[in-house]
Amino acid sequence: MATKTSVEVRDNPEKRQFEAYVDGRPAGFSAYELTDDGIMILHTEVDDAFEGQGVGSALVRQMLDQIRADDDLTVTVLCPFVNQWLRRHPDYQDLTRR
């Protein structure tokens, strides 16, 4: 039986990215730019060592949960991975501008 990888996601405002950690090790990131009324998700990467372990999906979900906690932010997504994830999770589409 496969075990689910535990992922912790932290915002790093200095680098303008949300960072994913697995067992304290950097596992990936999602870069962003702040705009006048929201946040623009630019690019997401997962380290090759963590491919296929659900790190990217956990990163996006936790990132969007943190963004959702700030009611004033709208999300613009330029990252293809995040766009694909949003298509599979319609309960998060209220965050994005179309």
C-alpha atoms as a PDB file:
ATOM      1  CA  MET A   1       0.000   0.000   0.000  1.00  0.00           C
ATOM      2  CA  ALA A   2       1.441   3.371  -1.018  1.00  0.00           C
ATOM      3  CA  THR A   3       1.808   6.018   1.636  1.00  0.00           C
ATOM      4  CA  LYS A   4       0.767   9.566   0.907  1.00  0.00           C
ATOM      5  CA  THR A   5       3.595  12.083   0.899  1.00  0.00           C
ATOM      6  CA  SER A   6       3.156  14.759   3.566  1.00  0.00           C
ATOM      7  CA  VAL A   7       3.704  18.191   2.048  1.00  0.00           C
ATOM      8  CA  GLU A   8       4.038  21.504   3.899  1.00  0.00           C
ATOM      9  CA  VAL A   9       3.579  24.687   1.872  1.00  0.00           C
ATOM     10  CA  ARG A  10       4.923  28.054   3.017  1.00  0.00           C
ATOM     11  CA  ASP A  11       4.705  31.481   1.421  1.00  0.00           C
ATOM     12  CA  ASN A  12       8.108  33.080   0.879  1.00  0.00           C
ATOM     13  CA  PRO A  13       7.257  36.730   0.094  1.00  0.00           C
ATOM     14  CA  GLU A  14      10.910  37.714  -0.377  1.00  0.00           C
ATOM     15  CA  LYS A  15      11.250  35.257  -3.266  1.00  0.00           C
ATOM     16  CA  ARG A  16       7.604  35.740  -4.334  1.00  0.00           C
ATOM     17  CA  GLN A  17       6.880  32.038  -4.276  1.00  0.00           C
ATOM     18  CA  PHE A  18       5.004  29.401  -2.342  1.00  0.00           C
ATOM     19  CA  GLU A  19       7.430  26.622  -1.433  1.00  0.00           C
ATOM     20  CA  ALA A  20       6.642  22.949  -0.872  1.00  0.00           C
ATOM     21  CA  TYR A  21       8.613  20.915   1.656  1.00  0.00           C
ATOM     22  CA  VAL A  22       8.627  17.148   2.218  1.00  0.00           C
ATOM     23  CA  ASP A  23      10.271  16.047   5.476  1.00  0.00           C
ATOM     24  CA  GLY A  24      11.843  19.511   5.708  1.00  0.00           C
ATOM     25  CA  ARG A  25      13.428  19.206   2.253  1.00  0.00           C
ATOM     26  CA  PRO A  26      12.543  21.657  -0.548  1.00  0.00           C
ATOM     27  CA  ALA A  27      10.368  19.789  -3.037  1.00  0.00           C
ATOM     28  CA  GLY A  28       8.958  22.461  -5.324  1.00  0.00           C
ATOM     29  CA  PHE A  29       7.627  25.975  -5.678  1.00  0.00           C
ATOM     30  CA  SER A  30       5.023  28.113  -7.364  1.00  0.00           C
ATOM     31  CA  ALA A  31       6.190  31.599  -8.369  1.00  0.00           C
ATOM     32  CA  TYR A  32       3.869  34.593  -8.251  1.00  0.00           C
ATOM     33  CA  GLU A  33       3.630  38.347  -8.706  1.00  0.00           C
ATOM     34  CA  LEU A  34       1.364  40.562  -6.643  1.00  0.00           C
ATOM     35  CA  THR A  35      -0.921  42.843  -8.654  1.00  0.00           C
ATOM     36  CA  ASP A  36      -3.058  45.815  -7.626  1.00  0.00           C
ATOM     37  CA  ASP A  37      -6.005  43.636  -6.631  1.00  0.00           C
ATOM     38  CA  GLY A  38      -4.636  40.129  -6.419  1.00  0.00           C
ATOM     39  CA  ILE A  39      -1.980  37.605  -7.198  1.00  0.00           C
ATOM     40  CA  MET A  40      -0.747  36.213 -10.514  1.00  0.00           C
ATOM     41  CA  ILE A  41       0.490  32.596 -10.476  1.00  0.00           C
ATOM     42  CA  LEU A  42       3.325  32.415 -13.005  1.00  0.00           C
ATOM     43  CA  HIS A  43       5.084  29.064 -12.856  1.00  0.00           C
ATOM     44  CA  THR A  44       5.144  25.844 -10.804  1.00  0.00           C
ATOM     45  CA  GLU A  45       7.996  23.343 -10.518  1.00  0.00           C
ATOM     46  CA  VAL A  46       8.409  20.108  -8.573  1.00  0.00           C
ATOM     47  CA  ASP A  47      11.869  18.653  -7.996  1.00  0.00           C
ATOM     48  CA  ASP A  48      12.454  15.487 -10.053  1.00  0.00           C
ATOM     49  CA  ALA A  49      12.984  13.471  -6.837  1.00  0.00           C
ATOM     50  CA  PHE A  50       9.341  14.136  -5.869  1.00  0.00           C
ATOM     51  CA  GLU A  51       7.647  13.649  -9.260  1.00  0.00           C
ATOM     52  CA  GLY A  52       4.527  11.496  -9.172  1.00  0.00           C
ATOM     53  CA  GLN A  53       4.102  11.748  -5.394  1.00  0.00           C
ATOM     54  CA  GLY A  54       1.299  14.327  -5.371  1.00  0.00           C
ATOM     55  CA  VAL A  55       3.599  17.188  -4.354  1.00  0.00           C
ATOM     56  CA  GLY A  56       2.431  19.481  -7.169  1.00  0.00           C
ATOM     57  CA  SER A  57      -1.237  18.933  -6.372  1.00  0.00           C
ATOM     58  CA  ALA A  58      -0.655  19.460  -2.629  1.00  0.00           C
ATOM     59  CA  LEU A  59       1.342  22.602  -3.409  1.00  0.00           C
ATOM     60  CA  VAL A  60      -1.460  24.085  -5.511  1.00  0.00           C
ATOM     61  CA  ARG A  61      -4.220  23.138  -3.044  1.00  0.00           C
ATOM     62  CA  GLN A  62      -2.409  24.565  -0.003  1.00  0.00           C
ATOM     63  CA  MET A  63      -1.317  27.673  -1.921  1.00  0.00           C
ATOM     64  CA  LEU A  64      -4.897  28.384  -3.025  1.00  0.00           C
ATOM     65  CA  ASP A  65      -6.187  27.710   0.498  1.00  0.00           C
ATOM     66  CA  GLN A  66      -3.751  30.309   1.837  1.00  0.00           C
ATOM     67  CA  ILE A  67      -4.756  32.776  -0.878  1.00  0.00           C
ATOM     68  CA  ARG A  68      -8.447  32.115  -0.164  1.00  0.00           C
ATOM     69  CA  ALA A  69      -7.858  33.031   3.493  1.00  0.00           C
ATOM     70  CA  ASP A  70      -7.188  36.589   2.252  1.00  0.00           C
ATOM     71  CA  ASP A  71     -10.651  37.529   0.958  1.00  0.00           C
ATOM     72  CA  ASP A  72      -9.363  40.545  -0.951  1.00  0.00           C
ATOM     73  CA  LEU A  73      -7.127  38.661  -3.393  1.00  0.00           C
ATOM     74  CA  THR A  74      -8.248  37.508  -6.808  1.00  0.00           C
ATOM     75  CA  VAL A  75      -6.111  34.978  -8.634  1.00  0.00           C
ATOM     76  CA  THR A  76      -4.892  35.215 -12.212  1.00  0.00           C
ATOM     77  CA  VAL A  77      -3.270  32.005 -13.430  1.00  0.00           C
ATOM     78  CA  LEU A  78      -0.634  31.940 -16.168  1.00  0.00           C
ATOM     79  CA  CYS A  79       0.846  28.609 -15.063  1.00  0.00           C
ATOM     80  CA  PRO A  80      -0.396  25.683 -17.213  1.00  0.00           C
ATOM     81  CA  PHE A  81      -0.078  23.195 -14.319  1.00  0.00           C
ATOM     82  CA  VAL A  82      -2.272  25.310 -12.020  1.00  0.00           C
ATOM     83  CA  ASN A  83      -4.794  25.877 -14.831  1.00  0.00           C
ATOM     84  CA  GLN A  84      -5.020  22.119 -15.387  1.00  0.00           C
ATOM     85  CA  TRP A  85      -5.418  21.521 -11.634  1.00  0.00           C
ATOM     86  CA  LEU A  86      -8.223  24.094 -11.459  1.00  0.00           C
ATOM     87  CA  ARG A  87     -10.114  22.352 -14.273  1.00  0.00           C
ATOM     88  CA  ARG A  88     -10.134  19.191 -12.133  1.00  0.00           C
ATOM     89  CA  HIS A  89     -11.124  21.073  -8.939  1.00  0.00           C
ATOM     90  CA  PRO A  90     -14.063  23.365  -9.764  1.00  0.00           C
ATOM     91  CA  ASP A  91     -14.544  24.185  -6.074  1.00  0.00           C
ATOM     92  CA  TYR A  92     -11.493  26.486  -6.376  1.00  0.00           C
ATOM     93  CA  GLN A  93     -12.522  28.296  -9.551  1.00  0.00           C
ATOM     94  CA  ASP A  94     -14.259  31.048  -7.578  1.00  0.00           C
ATOM     95  CA  LEU A  95     -10.775  32.409  -6.780  1.00  0.00           C
ATOM     96  CA  THR A  96      -9.848  33.038 -10.397  1.00  0.00           C
ATOM     97  CA  ARG A  97     -10.839  35.814 -12.722  1.00  0.00           C
ATOM     98  CA  ARG A  98     -12.059  34.767 -16.120  1.00  0.00           C
END
